[in-house]
Structure formats: C-alpha cells, structure tokens
Amino acid sequence: MEIFWEDGFAIKVRVDDGKTVVISANREGLLSLARQLTDMANEEYGCHIHYDEYNSLEDDSSEMIIEKIE
C-alpha cells in the first residue's frame, strides 16, 4: 500500500497514564490519516501502517501501529 501525506502534516501520539492514547494533528495530518485509513479499508486483512517519530510522527511521539483485521 502506498502511503500519501498532505504537505505540512503534523501528527503527535502520546499515551497518558499508560491507558489513554491521544492523537494530535493539524488539518493536513488529519487529512493524511483519513486517506490512509480509507485506503487501508480496501486492503487485505493483516495490512498495517507503522507510525513513529523516524518516519511520520513528531519528535517524542509514542509509536503507533494501525492494523486491519478480519
């Protein structure tokens, strides 16, 4: 699956109190995530996207994996 990003996207993920996942994003980040989730919905189960501070998230973000299940 090809991943597309809107120019200027910003996304940060944090885990509060070890239980609550908070995803913060600007407009471009939200549009990028929405497109990626829509594209993933059309993929086979097991497809996943790995987000981390080295390829898509802001510095000091927690890693996030979104996976399609059956």
PDB file of N, CA and C in Angstrom:
ATOM      1  N   MET A   1       0.849  -1.177   0.000  1.00  0.00           N
ATOM      2  CA  MET A   1       0.000   0.000   0.000  1.00  0.00           C
ATOM      3  C   MET A   1       0.895   1.241   0.000  1.00  0.00           C
ATOM      4  N   GLU A   2       0.622   2.147  -0.906  1.00  0.00           N
ATOM      5  CA  GLU A   2       1.377   3.388  -0.968  1.00  0.00           C
ATOM      6  C   GLU A   2       0.797   4.379   0.038  1.00  0.00           C
ATOM      7  N   ILE A   3       1.670   5.043   0.772  1.00  0.00           N
ATOM      8  CA  ILE A   3       1.251   5.997   1.798  1.00  0.00           C
ATOM      9  C   ILE A   3       1.391   7.412   1.247  1.00  0.00           C
ATOM     10  N   PHE A   4       0.335   8.205   1.374  1.00  0.00           N
ATOM     11  CA  PHE A   4       0.346   9.591   0.914  1.00  0.00           C
ATOM     12  C   PHE A   4       0.243  10.530   2.110  1.00  0.00           C
ATOM     13  N   TRP A   5       0.974  11.631   2.020  1.00  0.00           N
ATOM     14  CA  TRP A   5       0.967  12.649   3.070  1.00  0.00           C
ATOM     15  C   TRP A   5       0.627  14.001   2.471  1.00  0.00           C
ATOM     16  N   GLU A   6      -0.231  14.743   3.143  1.00  0.00           N
ATOM     17  CA  GLU A   6      -0.507  16.124   2.760  1.00  0.00           C
ATOM     18  C   GLU A   6       0.714  16.968   3.140  1.00  0.00           C
ATOM     19  N   ASP A   7       1.066  17.929   2.285  1.00  0.00           N
ATOM     20  CA  ASP A   7       2.184  18.822   2.607  1.00  0.00           C
ATOM     21  C   ASP A   7       1.917  19.546   3.922  1.00  0.00           C
ATOM     22  N   GLY A   8       2.926  19.585   4.760  1.00  0.00           N
ATOM     23  CA  GLY A   8       2.822  20.307   6.021  1.00  0.00           C
ATOM     24  C   GLY A   8       2.164  19.529   7.144  1.00  0.00           C
ATOM     25  N   PHE A   9       1.972  18.214   6.976  1.00  0.00           N
ATOM     26  CA  PHE A   9       1.292  17.437   8.008  1.00  0.00           C
ATOM     27  C   PHE A   9       2.098  17.411   9.312  1.00  0.00           C
ATOM     28  N   ALA A  10       1.379  17.360  10.420  1.00  0.00           N
ATOM     29  CA  ALA A  10       1.994  17.204  11.746  1.00  0.00           C
ATOM     30  C   ALA A  10       1.087  16.300  12.568  1.00  0.00           C
ATOM     31  N   ILE A  11       1.682  15.251  13.129  1.00  0.00           N
ATOM     32  CA  ILE A  11       0.926  14.289  13.941  1.00  0.00           C
ATOM     33  C   ILE A  11       1.785  13.925  15.144  1.00  0.00           C
ATOM     34  N   LYS A  12       1.180  13.923  16.309  1.00  0.00           N
ATOM     35  CA  LYS A  12       1.871  13.509  17.526  1.00  0.00           C
ATOM     36  C   LYS A  12       0.987  12.510  18.252  1.00  0.00           C
ATOM     37  N   VAL A  13       1.593  11.459  18.786  1.00  0.00           N
ATOM     38  CA  VAL A  13       0.871  10.435  19.538  1.00  0.00           C
ATOM     39  C   VAL A  13       1.498  10.339  20.923  1.00  0.00           C
ATOM     40  N   ARG A  14       0.639  10.329  21.948  1.00  0.00           N
ATOM     41  CA  ARG A  14       1.139  10.129  23.307  1.00  0.00           C
ATOM     42  C   ARG A  14       0.184   9.209  24.051  1.00  0.00           C
ATOM     43  N   VAL A  15       0.709   8.574  25.071  1.00  0.00           N
ATOM     44  CA  VAL A  15      -0.097   7.701  25.925  1.00  0.00           C
ATOM     45  C   VAL A  15      -0.104   8.323  27.313  1.00  0.00           C
ATOM     46  N   ASP A  16      -1.282   8.709  27.775  1.00  0.00           N
ATOM     47  CA  ASP A  16      -1.442   9.306  29.099  1.00  0.00           C
ATOM     48  C   ASP A  16      -1.770   8.233  30.123  1.00  0.00           C
ATOM     49  N   ASP A  17      -1.106   8.261  31.244  1.00  0.00           N
ATOM     50  CA  ASP A  17      -1.375   7.346  32.356  1.00  0.00           C
ATOM     51  C   ASP A  17      -1.299   5.880  31.943  1.00  0.00           C
ATOM     52  N   GLY A  18      -0.572   5.588  30.868  1.00  0.00           N
ATOM     53  CA  GLY A  18      -0.421   4.214  30.424  1.00  0.00           C
ATOM     54  C   GLY A  18      -1.684   3.588  29.866  1.00  0.00           C
ATOM     55  N   LYS A  19      -2.756   4.396  29.681  1.00  0.00           N
ATOM     56  CA  LYS A  19      -4.027   3.837  29.218  1.00  0.00           C
ATOM     57  C   LYS A  19      -4.675   4.597  28.077  1.00  0.00           C
ATOM     58  N   THR A  20      -4.538   5.882  28.068  1.00  0.00           N
ATOM     59  CA  THR A  20      -5.262   6.705  27.105  1.00  0.00           C
ATOM     60  C   THR A  20      -4.346   7.138  25.969  1.00  0.00           C
ATOM     61  N   VAL A  21      -4.712   6.793  24.741  1.00  0.00           N
ATOM     62  CA  VAL A  21      -3.945   7.198  23.568  1.00  0.00           C
ATOM     63  C   VAL A  21      -4.525   8.518  23.059  1.00  0.00           C
ATOM     64  N   VAL A  22      -3.648   9.502  22.887  1.00  0.00           N
ATOM     65  CA  VAL A  22      -4.062  10.811  22.383  1.00  0.00           C
ATOM     66  C   VAL A  22      -3.332  11.048  21.063  1.00  0.00           C
ATOM     67  N   ILE A  23      -4.107  11.282  20.015  1.00  0.00           N
ATOM     68  CA  ILE A  23      -3.550  11.595  18.698  1.00  0.00           C
ATOM     69  C   ILE A  23      -3.859  13.069  18.438  1.00  0.00           C
ATOM     70  N   SER A  24      -2.816  13.853  18.269  1.00  0.00           N
ATOM     71  CA  SER A  24      -2.962  15.285  17.989  1.00  0.00           C
ATOM     72  C   SER A  24      -2.438  15.545  16.588  1.00  0.00           C
ATOM     73  N   ALA A  25      -3.201  16.269  15.787  1.00  0.00           N
ATOM     74  CA  ALA A  25      -2.783  16.504  14.407  1.00  0.00           C
ATOM     75  C   ALA A  25      -3.345  17.820  13.893  1.00  0.00           C
ATOM     76  N   ASN A  26      -2.593  18.430  12.983  1.00  0.00           N
ATOM     77  CA  ASN A  26      -3.122  19.603  12.301  1.00  0.00           C
ATOM     78  C   ASN A  26      -4.043  19.139  11.165  1.00  0.00           C
ATOM     79  N   ARG A  27      -4.602  20.074  10.432  1.00  0.00           N
ATOM     80  CA  ARG A  27      -5.541  19.744   9.359  1.00  0.00           C
ATOM     81  C   ARG A  27      -4.927  18.763   8.357  1.00  0.00           C
ATOM     82  N   GLU A  28      -3.699  19.051   7.942  1.00  0.00           N
ATOM     83  CA  GLU A  28      -3.028  18.204   6.959  1.00  0.00           C
ATOM     84  C   GLU A  28      -2.754  16.809   7.523  1.00  0.00           C
ATOM     85  N   GLY A  29      -2.442  16.741   8.801  1.00  0.00           N
ATOM     86  CA  GLY A  29      -2.235  15.452   9.441  1.00  0.00           C
ATOM     87  C   GLY A  29      -3.505  14.635   9.501  1.00  0.00           C
ATOM     88  N   LEU A  30      -4.610  15.289   9.839  1.00  0.00           N
ATOM     89  CA  LEU A  30      -5.904  14.589   9.892  1.00  0.00           C
ATOM     90  C   LEU A  30      -6.325  14.101   8.513  1.00  0.00           C
ATOM     91  N   LEU A  31      -6.133  14.932   7.493  1.00  0.00           N
ATOM     92  CA  LEU A  31      -6.470  14.515   6.133  1.00  0.00           C
ATOM     93  C   LEU A  31      -5.600  13.336   5.697  1.00  0.00           C
ATOM     94  N   SER A  32      -4.318  13.361   6.054  1.00  0.00           N
ATOM     95  CA  SER A  32      -3.416  12.256   5.714  1.00  0.00           C
ATOM     96  C   SER A  32      -3.873  10.970   6.377  1.00  0.00           C
ATOM     97  N   LEU A  33      -4.173  11.022   7.677  1.00  0.00           N
ATOM     98  CA  LEU A  33      -4.643   9.832   8.389  1.00  0.00           C
ATOM     99  C   LEU A  33      -5.953   9.316   7.800  1.00  0.00           C
ATOM    100  N   ALA A  34      -6.877  10.225   7.489  1.00  0.00           N
ATOM    101  CA  ALA A  34      -8.165   9.815   6.929  1.00  0.00           C
ATOM    102  C   ALA A  34      -7.971   9.085   5.600  1.00  0.00           C
ATOM    103  N   ARG A  35      -7.113   9.602   4.757  1.00  0.00           N
ATOM    104  CA  ARG A  35      -6.861   8.953   3.461  1.00  0.00           C
ATOM    105  C   ARG A  35      -6.214   7.588   3.655  1.00  0.00           C
ATOM    106  N   GLN A  36      -5.249   7.514   4.565  1.00  0.00           N
ATOM    107  CA  GLN A  36      -4.555   6.254   4.808  1.00  0.00           C
ATOM    108  C   GLN A  36      -5.502   5.195   5.364  1.00  0.00           C
ATOM    109  N   LEU A  37      -6.386   5.590   6.273  1.00  0.00           N
ATOM    110  CA  LEU A  37      -7.349   4.637   6.829  1.00  0.00           C
ATOM    111  C   LEU A  37      -8.347   4.187   5.763  1.00  0.00           C
ATOM    112  N   THR A  38      -8.769   5.098   4.914  1.00  0.00           N
ATOM    113  CA  THR A  38      -9.679   4.744   3.828  1.00  0.00           C
ATOM    114  C   THR A  38      -8.999   3.769   2.866  1.00  0.00           C
ATOM    115  N   ASP A  39      -7.748   4.052   2.513  1.00  0.00           N
ATOM    116  CA  ASP A  39      -7.006   3.149   1.631  1.00  0.00           C
ATOM    117  C   ASP A  39      -6.827   1.780   2.290  1.00  0.00           C
ATOM    118  N   MET A  40      -6.532   1.757   3.572  1.00  0.00           N
ATOM    119  CA  MET A  40      -6.328   0.503   4.288  1.00  0.00           C
ATOM    120  C   MET A  40      -7.606  -0.331   4.320  1.00  0.00           C
ATOM    121  N   ALA A  41      -8.747   0.317   4.373  1.00  0.00           N
ATOM    122  CA  ALA A  41     -10.027  -0.405   4.397  1.00  0.00           C
ATOM    123  C   ALA A  41     -10.204  -1.272   3.154  1.00  0.00           C
ATOM    124  N   ASN A  42      -9.553  -0.904   2.068  1.00  0.00           N
ATOM    125  CA  ASN A  42      -9.660  -1.653   0.817  1.00  0.00           C
ATOM    126  C   ASN A  42      -8.559  -2.689   0.635  1.00  0.00           C
ATOM    127  N   GLU A  43      -7.684  -2.827   1.610  1.00  0.00           N
ATOM    128  CA  GLU A  43      -6.581  -3.790   1.559  1.00  0.00           C
ATOM    129  C   GLU A  43      -6.991  -5.109   2.217  1.00  0.00           C
ATOM    130  N   GLU A  44      -6.141  -6.114   2.071  1.00  0.00           N
ATOM    131  CA  GLU A  44      -6.369  -7.420   2.700  1.00  0.00           C
ATOM    132  C   GLU A  44      -6.171  -7.296   4.212  1.00  0.00           C
ATOM    133  N   TYR A  45      -6.802  -8.197   4.974  1.00  0.00           N
ATOM    134  CA  TYR A  45      -6.582  -8.156   6.415  1.00  0.00           C
ATOM    135  C   TYR A  45      -5.118  -8.466   6.707  1.00  0.00           C
ATOM    136  N   GLY A  46      -4.637  -7.946   7.809  1.00  0.00           N
ATOM    137  CA  GLY A  46      -3.224  -8.078   8.154  1.00  0.00           C
ATOM    138  C   GLY A  46      -2.393  -6.895   7.691  1.00  0.00           C
ATOM    139  N   CYS A  47      -2.925  -6.123   6.761  1.00  0.00           N
ATOM    140  CA  CYS A  47      -2.239  -4.914   6.308  1.00  0.00           C
ATOM    141  C   CYS A  47      -2.090  -3.981   7.512  1.00  0.00           C
ATOM    142  N   HIS A  48      -0.963  -3.302   7.607  1.00  0.00           N
ATOM    143  CA  HIS A  48      -0.769  -2.392   8.724  1.00  0.00           C
ATOM    144  C   HIS A  48       0.108  -1.218   8.310  1.00  0.00           C
ATOM    145  N   ILE A  49       0.010  -0.165   9.095  1.00  0.00           N
ATOM    146  CA  ILE A  49       0.873   1.001   8.928  1.00  0.00           C
ATOM    147  C   ILE A  49       1.537   1.246  10.276  1.00  0.00           C
ATOM    148  N   HIS A  50       2.843   1.396  10.240  1.00  0.00           N
ATOM    149  CA  HIS A  50       3.622   1.651  11.446  1.00  0.00           C
ATOM    150  C   HIS A  50       4.019   3.122  11.436  1.00  0.00           C
ATOM    151  N   TYR A  51       3.600   3.851  12.443  1.00  0.00           N
ATOM    152  CA  TYR A  51       3.938   5.265  12.577  1.00  0.00           C
ATOM    153  C   TYR A  51       4.925   5.421  13.735  1.00  0.00           C
ATOM    154  N   ASP A  52       5.988   6.195  13.520  1.00  0.00           N
ATOM    155  CA  ASP A  52       6.898   6.515  14.611  1.00  0.00           C
ATOM    156  C   ASP A  52       7.579   7.845  14.318  1.00  0.00           C
ATOM    157  N   GLU A  53       8.377   8.309  15.249  1.00  0.00           N
ATOM    158  CA  GLU A  53       8.990   9.630  15.104  1.00  0.00           C
ATOM    159  C   GLU A  53      10.058   9.663  14.011  1.00  0.00           C
ATOM    160  N   TYR A  54      10.469   8.506  13.505  1.00  0.00           N
ATOM    161  CA  TYR A  54      11.502   8.467  12.483  1.00  0.00           C
ATOM    162  C   TYR A  54      10.945   8.573  11.065  1.00  0.00           C
ATOM    163  N   ASN A  55       9.639   8.327  10.879  1.00  0.00           N
ATOM    164  CA  ASN A  55       9.117   8.395   9.520  1.00  0.00           C
ATOM    165  C   ASN A  55       7.829   9.191   9.366  1.00  0.00           C
ATOM    166  N   SER A  56       7.165   9.568  10.458  1.00  0.00           N
ATOM    167  CA  SER A  56       5.904  10.267  10.234  1.00  0.00           C
ATOM    168  C   SER A  56       5.398  11.081  11.416  1.00  0.00           C
ATOM    169  N   LEU A  57       5.817  10.785  12.631  1.00  0.00           N
ATOM    170  CA  LEU A  57       5.293  11.470  13.808  1.00  0.00           C
ATOM    171  C   LEU A  57       6.274  12.522  14.320  1.00  0.00           C
ATOM    172  N   GLU A  58       5.732  13.460  15.063  1.00  0.00           N
ATOM    173  CA  GLU A  58       6.562  14.495  15.666  1.00  0.00           C
ATOM    174  C   GLU A  58       7.511  13.873  16.695  1.00  0.00           C
ATOM    175  N   ASP A  59       8.601  14.588  16.990  1.00  0.00           N
ATOM    176  CA  ASP A  59       9.556  14.125  17.995  1.00  0.00           C
ATOM    177  C   ASP A  59       8.852  13.834  19.318  1.00  0.00           C
ATOM    178  N   ASP A  60       9.362  12.870  20.051  1.00  0.00           N
ATOM    179  CA  ASP A  60       8.844  12.461  21.360  1.00  0.00           C
ATOM    180  C   ASP A  60       7.457  11.824  21.289  1.00  0.00           C
ATOM    181  N   SER A  61       7.038  11.387  20.107  1.00  0.00           N
ATOM    182  CA  SER A  61       5.759  10.688  19.981  1.00  0.00           C
ATOM    183  C   SER A  61       5.918   9.229  20.375  1.00  0.00           C
ATOM    184  N   SER A  62       4.831   8.632  20.840  1.00  0.00           N
ATOM    185  CA  SER A  62       4.785   7.191  21.045  1.00  0.00           C
ATOM    186  C   SER A  62       4.576   6.537  19.688  1.00  0.00           C
ATOM    187  N   GLU A  63       5.083   5.323  19.527  1.00  0.00           N
ATOM    188  CA  GLU A  63       4.842   4.598  18.283  1.00  0.00           C
ATOM    189  C   GLU A  63       3.378   4.198  18.197  1.00  0.00           C
ATOM    190  N   MET A  64       2.888   4.056  16.969  1.00  0.00           N
ATOM    191  CA  MET A  64       1.502   3.647  16.762  1.00  0.00           C
ATOM    192  C   MET A  64       1.460   2.717  15.555  1.00  0.00           C
ATOM    193  N   ILE A  65       0.766   1.612  15.692  1.00  0.00           N
ATOM    194  CA  ILE A  65       0.542   0.687  14.580  1.00  0.00           C
ATOM    195  C   ILE A  65      -0.969   0.551  14.407  1.00  0.00           C
ATOM    196  N   ILE A  66      -1.429   0.735  13.189  1.00  0.00           N
ATOM    197  CA  ILE A  66      -2.837   0.513  12.872  1.00  0.00           C
ATOM    198  C   ILE A  66      -2.866  -0.680  11.937  1.00  0.00           C
ATOM    199  N   GLU A  67      -3.679  -1.672  12.284  1.00  0.00           N
ATOM    200  CA  GLU A  67      -3.724  -2.932  11.550  1.00  0.00           C
ATOM    201  C   GLU A  67      -5.174  -3.270  11.178  1.00  0.00           C
ATOM    202  N   LYS A  68      -5.345  -3.741   9.962  1.00  0.00           N
ATOM    203  CA  LYS A  68      -6.665  -4.195   9.527  1.00  0.00           C
ATOM    204  C   LYS A  68      -6.863  -5.649   9.946  1.00  0.00           C
ATOM    205  N   ILE A  69      -7.991  -5.908  10.589  1.00  0.00           N
ATOM    206  CA  ILE A  69      -8.340  -7.275  10.986  1.00  0.00           C
ATOM    207  C   ILE A  69      -9.527  -7.731  10.163  1.00  0.00           C
ATOM    208  N   GLU A  70      -9.842  -9.007  10.263  1.00  0.00           N
ATOM    209  CA  GLU A  70     -10.977  -9.557   9.502  1.00  0.00           C
ATOM    210  C   GLU A  70     -12.275  -8.926   9.911  1.00  0.00           C
TER     211      GLU A  70
END
